[in-house]
N, C-alpha and C. Protein backbone atom coordinates (compact mmCIF):
# COMPACT_ATOMS: atom_id res chain seq x y z
N MET A 1 80.71 102.05 130.61
CA MET A 1 81.33 102.69 129.46
C MET A 1 81.55 101.63 128.37
N PRO A 2 81.13 101.88 127.14
CA PRO A 2 81.31 100.90 126.06
C PRO A 2 82.78 100.77 125.66
N HIS A 3 83.11 99.59 125.16
CA HIS A 3 84.49 99.31 124.74
C HIS A 3 84.71 99.87 123.33
N ILE A 4 85.86 100.50 123.12
CA ILE A 4 86.26 100.98 121.81
C ILE A 4 87.61 100.35 121.50
N SER A 5 87.68 99.67 120.36
CA SER A 5 88.94 99.02 119.99
C SER A 5 89.95 100.08 119.53
N TYR A 6 91.20 99.67 119.52
CA TYR A 6 92.25 100.57 119.06
C TYR A 6 92.02 100.97 117.61
N SER A 7 91.64 99.99 116.76
CA SER A 7 91.44 100.30 115.34
C SER A 7 90.28 101.26 115.14
N GLU A 8 89.24 101.15 115.97
CA GLU A 8 88.13 102.09 115.87
C GLU A 8 88.57 103.49 116.28
N LEU A 9 89.36 103.58 117.33
CA LEU A 9 89.88 104.87 117.78
C LEU A 9 90.79 105.46 116.72
N LYS A 10 91.60 104.61 116.09
CA LYS A 10 92.50 105.06 115.02
C LYS A 10 91.69 105.60 113.84
N ASP A 11 90.58 104.92 113.49
CA ASP A 11 89.71 105.41 112.42
C ASP A 11 89.16 106.79 112.75
N TRP A 12 88.72 106.96 113.99
CA TRP A 12 88.15 108.23 114.40
C TRP A 12 89.21 109.33 114.39
N ALA A 13 90.43 109.01 114.86
CA ALA A 13 91.51 110.00 114.88
C ALA A 13 91.90 110.40 113.47
N LYS A 14 91.82 109.45 112.54
CA LYS A 14 92.14 109.73 111.14
C LYS A 14 91.11 110.70 110.56
N CYS A 15 89.83 110.40 110.80
CA CYS A 15 88.77 111.26 110.28
C CYS A 15 87.45 110.86 110.93
N PRO A 16 86.85 111.71 111.75
CA PRO A 16 85.60 111.38 112.39
C PRO A 16 84.49 111.00 111.40
N PHE A 17 84.47 111.63 110.22
CA PHE A 17 83.44 111.29 109.24
C PHE A 17 83.68 109.89 108.67
N TYR A 18 84.94 109.53 108.44
CA TYR A 18 85.29 108.17 107.99
C TYR A 18 84.81 107.16 109.04
N HIS A 19 85.08 107.45 110.31
CA HIS A 19 84.64 106.58 111.41
C HIS A 19 83.13 106.39 111.36
N LYS A 20 82.40 107.48 111.16
CA LYS A 20 80.94 107.39 111.10
C LYS A 20 80.49 106.50 109.94
N LEU A 21 81.07 106.74 108.75
CA LEU A 21 80.68 105.95 107.57
C LEU A 21 80.95 104.47 107.75
N ILE A 22 82.11 104.14 108.27
CA ILE A 22 82.53 102.74 108.38
C ILE A 22 81.93 102.06 109.61
N ARG A 23 82.09 102.67 110.75
CA ARG A 23 81.74 102.02 112.02
C ARG A 23 80.27 102.17 112.41
N ILE A 24 79.67 103.28 112.05
CA ILE A 24 78.28 103.52 112.47
C ILE A 24 77.30 103.20 111.34
N ASP A 25 77.56 103.76 110.16
CA ASP A 25 76.65 103.56 109.02
C ASP A 25 76.84 102.21 108.33
N GLY A 26 77.98 101.56 108.57
CA GLY A 26 78.20 100.21 108.04
C GLY A 26 78.64 100.12 106.60
N HIS A 27 79.16 101.22 106.04
CA HIS A 27 79.68 101.16 104.68
C HIS A 27 80.99 100.37 104.67
N LYS A 28 81.24 99.69 103.56
CA LYS A 28 82.47 98.92 103.46
C LYS A 28 83.66 99.84 103.25
N ALA A 29 84.74 99.52 103.94
CA ALA A 29 85.99 100.22 103.71
C ALA A 29 86.68 99.58 102.51
N PHE A 30 87.65 100.26 101.97
CA PHE A 30 88.40 99.71 100.84
C PHE A 30 89.12 98.45 101.30
N THR A 31 88.89 97.35 100.58
CA THR A 31 89.51 96.08 100.97
C THR A 31 90.53 95.60 99.97
N GLY A 32 90.70 96.30 98.88
CA GLY A 32 91.69 95.91 97.90
C GLY A 32 91.05 95.64 96.55
N ASN A 33 91.91 95.42 95.56
CA ASN A 33 91.46 95.11 94.21
C ASN A 33 92.55 94.30 93.52
N GLU A 34 92.41 94.09 92.24
CA GLU A 34 93.38 93.30 91.49
C GLU A 34 94.78 93.91 91.59
N TYR A 35 94.85 95.23 91.56
CA TYR A 35 96.14 95.92 91.59
C TYR A 35 96.83 95.75 92.95
N THR A 36 96.08 95.88 94.03
CA THR A 36 96.70 95.70 95.35
C THR A 36 97.09 94.24 95.56
N ALA A 37 96.32 93.31 95.01
CA ALA A 37 96.67 91.89 95.11
C ALA A 37 97.98 91.62 94.39
N PHE A 38 98.15 92.20 93.20
CA PHE A 38 99.37 92.04 92.43
C PHE A 38 100.57 92.61 93.20
N GLY A 39 100.43 93.83 93.68
CA GLY A 39 101.53 94.47 94.42
C GLY A 39 101.90 93.71 95.68
N THR A 40 100.90 93.24 96.40
CA THR A 40 101.17 92.46 97.61
C THR A 40 101.89 91.17 97.27
N ALA A 41 101.49 90.52 96.18
CA ALA A 41 102.14 89.27 95.77
C ALA A 41 103.60 89.51 95.40
N ILE A 42 103.88 90.56 94.64
CA ILE A 42 105.27 90.88 94.27
C ILE A 42 106.09 91.19 95.52
N HIS A 43 105.54 91.96 96.43
CA HIS A 43 106.25 92.28 97.68
C HIS A 43 106.50 91.01 98.49
N SER A 44 105.54 90.11 98.50
CA SER A 44 105.70 88.84 99.23
C SER A 44 106.82 88.00 98.62
N VAL A 45 106.92 88.00 97.30
CA VAL A 45 108.01 87.28 96.64
C VAL A 45 109.35 87.87 97.06
N CYS A 46 109.45 89.19 97.03
CA CYS A 46 110.70 89.86 97.43
C CYS A 46 111.07 89.50 98.86
N GLU A 47 110.10 89.57 99.75
CA GLU A 47 110.35 89.24 101.15
C GLU A 47 110.80 87.79 101.31
N LYS A 48 110.14 86.89 100.60
CA LYS A 48 110.47 85.47 100.68
C LYS A 48 111.90 85.23 100.18
N VAL A 49 112.24 85.83 99.06
CA VAL A 49 113.59 85.66 98.50
C VAL A 49 114.64 86.18 99.47
N LEU A 50 114.41 87.38 100.01
CA LEU A 50 115.40 87.96 100.92
C LEU A 50 115.53 87.18 102.22
N THR A 51 114.43 86.73 102.79
CA THR A 51 114.51 85.97 104.05
C THR A 51 115.12 84.59 103.82
N GLU A 52 114.80 83.95 102.71
CA GLU A 52 115.40 82.64 102.41
C GLU A 52 116.90 82.77 102.18
N LYS A 53 117.30 83.81 101.47
CA LYS A 53 118.72 84.04 101.19
C LYS A 53 119.49 84.29 102.49
N LYS A 54 118.85 84.99 103.42
CA LYS A 54 119.48 85.28 104.70
C LYS A 54 119.70 84.00 105.51
N VAL A 55 118.77 83.07 105.41
CA VAL A 55 118.83 81.82 106.17
C VAL A 55 119.73 80.81 105.49
N ASN A 56 119.69 80.74 104.17
CA ASN A 56 120.40 79.70 103.43
C ASN A 56 121.06 80.31 102.20
N GLU A 57 122.36 80.51 102.24
CA GLU A 57 123.08 81.16 101.15
C GLU A 57 122.99 80.42 99.83
N SER A 58 122.83 79.10 99.85
CA SER A 58 122.85 78.32 98.60
C SER A 58 121.47 77.76 98.28
N PHE A 59 120.46 78.59 98.34
CA PHE A 59 119.11 78.11 98.06
C PHE A 59 118.72 78.39 96.61
N ASN A 60 117.85 77.59 96.10
CA ASN A 60 117.24 77.83 94.79
C ASN A 60 115.78 78.15 95.04
N VAL A 61 115.39 79.34 94.68
CA VAL A 61 114.01 79.76 94.95
C VAL A 61 113.23 79.81 93.64
N ASP A 62 111.98 79.45 93.72
CA ASP A 62 111.09 79.48 92.56
C ASP A 62 110.22 80.73 92.68
N GLU A 63 110.77 81.86 92.22
CA GLU A 63 110.04 83.13 92.33
C GLU A 63 108.70 83.08 91.62
N THR A 64 108.67 82.44 90.45
CA THR A 64 107.42 82.35 89.68
C THR A 64 106.37 81.56 90.46
N GLY A 65 106.78 80.44 91.04
CA GLY A 65 105.86 79.63 91.84
C GLY A 65 105.35 80.39 93.06
N TYR A 66 106.26 81.12 93.72
CA TYR A 66 105.85 81.92 94.87
C TYR A 66 104.86 83.00 94.44
N PHE A 67 105.14 83.67 93.31
CA PHE A 67 104.22 84.70 92.84
C PHE A 67 102.84 84.13 92.60
N GLU A 68 102.77 83.01 91.88
CA GLU A 68 101.48 82.40 91.58
C GLU A 68 100.72 82.07 92.87
N LYS A 69 101.43 81.50 93.83
CA LYS A 69 100.81 81.13 95.12
C LYS A 69 100.30 82.38 95.85
N PHE A 70 101.17 83.39 96.00
CA PHE A 70 100.79 84.59 96.75
C PHE A 70 99.68 85.36 96.04
N PHE A 71 99.73 85.45 94.70
CA PHE A 71 98.71 86.18 93.95
C PHE A 71 97.35 85.51 94.10
N LYS A 72 97.31 84.20 94.00
CA LYS A 72 96.05 83.47 94.17
C LYS A 72 95.48 83.67 95.57
N GLU A 73 96.35 83.67 96.58
CA GLU A 73 95.90 83.90 97.96
C GLU A 73 95.28 85.28 98.10
N GLU A 74 95.91 86.28 97.49
CA GLU A 74 95.38 87.65 97.59
C GLU A 74 94.07 87.80 96.82
N ILE A 75 93.97 87.18 95.66
CA ILE A 75 92.74 87.26 94.86
C ILE A 75 91.57 86.62 95.62
N LYS A 76 91.83 85.53 96.34
CA LYS A 76 90.78 84.86 97.12
C LYS A 76 90.17 85.78 98.18
N LYS A 77 90.93 86.75 98.65
CA LYS A 77 90.46 87.66 99.69
C LYS A 77 89.49 88.73 99.15
N LEU A 78 89.45 88.88 97.82
CA LEU A 78 88.65 89.95 97.22
C LEU A 78 87.22 89.51 96.94
N ASP A 79 86.35 90.49 96.80
CA ASP A 79 84.94 90.25 96.47
C ASP A 79 84.85 89.78 95.03
N LYS A 80 84.37 88.58 94.81
CA LYS A 80 84.35 87.94 93.48
C LYS A 80 83.53 88.72 92.45
N LYS A 81 82.47 89.38 92.88
CA LYS A 81 81.60 90.07 91.92
C LYS A 81 82.26 91.32 91.33
N ASP A 82 83.30 91.83 91.97
CA ASP A 82 83.95 93.04 91.49
C ASP A 82 85.21 92.75 90.66
N LEU A 83 85.57 91.49 90.47
CA LEU A 83 86.83 91.16 89.82
C LEU A 83 86.75 91.22 88.30
N ASN A 84 87.84 91.66 87.70
CA ASN A 84 88.01 91.67 86.25
C ASN A 84 88.95 90.50 85.93
N TYR A 85 88.37 89.38 85.50
CA TYR A 85 89.17 88.16 85.31
C TYR A 85 90.14 88.28 84.14
N GLY A 86 89.83 89.10 83.15
CA GLY A 86 90.77 89.34 82.06
C GLY A 86 92.01 90.05 82.57
N LEU A 87 91.80 91.04 83.43
CA LEU A 87 92.92 91.76 84.03
C LEU A 87 93.75 90.83 84.90
N ILE A 88 93.10 89.99 85.67
CA ILE A 88 93.80 89.04 86.54
C ILE A 88 94.67 88.10 85.72
N GLU A 89 94.13 87.62 84.62
CA GLU A 89 94.89 86.72 83.75
C GLU A 89 96.13 87.43 83.19
N ASN A 90 95.95 88.68 82.77
CA ASN A 90 97.06 89.47 82.27
C ASN A 90 98.10 89.70 83.37
N MET A 91 97.64 90.00 84.57
CA MET A 91 98.55 90.23 85.69
C MET A 91 99.33 88.97 86.04
N GLU A 92 98.67 87.82 85.98
CA GLU A 92 99.37 86.56 86.25
C GLU A 92 100.50 86.35 85.25
N GLU A 93 100.22 86.61 83.99
CA GLU A 93 101.23 86.45 82.95
C GLU A 93 102.41 87.41 83.19
N GLN A 94 102.10 88.66 83.48
CA GLN A 94 103.15 89.66 83.72
C GLN A 94 103.92 89.34 85.01
N GLY A 95 103.22 88.89 86.03
CA GLY A 95 103.86 88.56 87.30
C GLY A 95 104.84 87.40 87.18
N ARG A 96 104.51 86.43 86.35
CA ARG A 96 105.42 85.29 86.12
C ARG A 96 106.73 85.77 85.51
N LYS A 97 106.65 86.78 84.66
CA LYS A 97 107.86 87.33 84.04
C LYS A 97 108.61 88.25 85.00
N LEU A 98 107.88 89.01 85.79
CA LEU A 98 108.47 90.01 86.66
C LEU A 98 109.08 89.43 87.94
N ALA A 99 108.44 88.43 88.51
CA ALA A 99 108.87 87.90 89.80
C ALA A 99 110.36 87.51 89.85
N PRO A 100 110.88 86.82 88.86
CA PRO A 100 112.31 86.47 88.91
C PRO A 100 113.24 87.68 88.81
N LEU A 101 112.72 88.80 88.34
CA LEU A 101 113.53 90.01 88.19
C LEU A 101 113.44 90.94 89.39
N ALA A 102 112.49 90.70 90.28
CA ALA A 102 112.22 91.63 91.38
C ALA A 102 113.42 91.80 92.31
N ILE A 103 114.03 90.69 92.70
CA ILE A 103 115.22 90.72 93.54
C ILE A 103 116.28 89.87 92.85
N PRO A 104 117.20 90.49 92.11
CA PRO A 104 118.22 89.68 91.45
C PRO A 104 119.16 89.08 92.49
N ILE A 105 119.41 87.80 92.35
CA ILE A 105 120.31 87.10 93.26
C ILE A 105 121.73 87.24 92.72
N LEU A 106 122.60 87.82 93.52
CA LEU A 106 123.99 88.03 93.08
C LEU A 106 124.89 86.96 93.64
């Protein structure tokens, strides 16, 4: 009997046609884009701020630096030929402004 991974079984349970397209026909599944990279980076900043605050009450966190680091990591995971570098540049600028506001430290 051939081995079926849990994720393959989950794909099939979600939609047998999706399973066929991805697992049998070899089409690429959605792997993300500039927007998901931005959202993941902002969420990572929030998580970092909250976990650091929990561990150390008197910490100084560089939300902007964390955003830049996390956003670059997420962008590296994406297919380079599909990227809109103008959009990425705009998102970096907006993220630098937004990151310090995401979780206000009281």
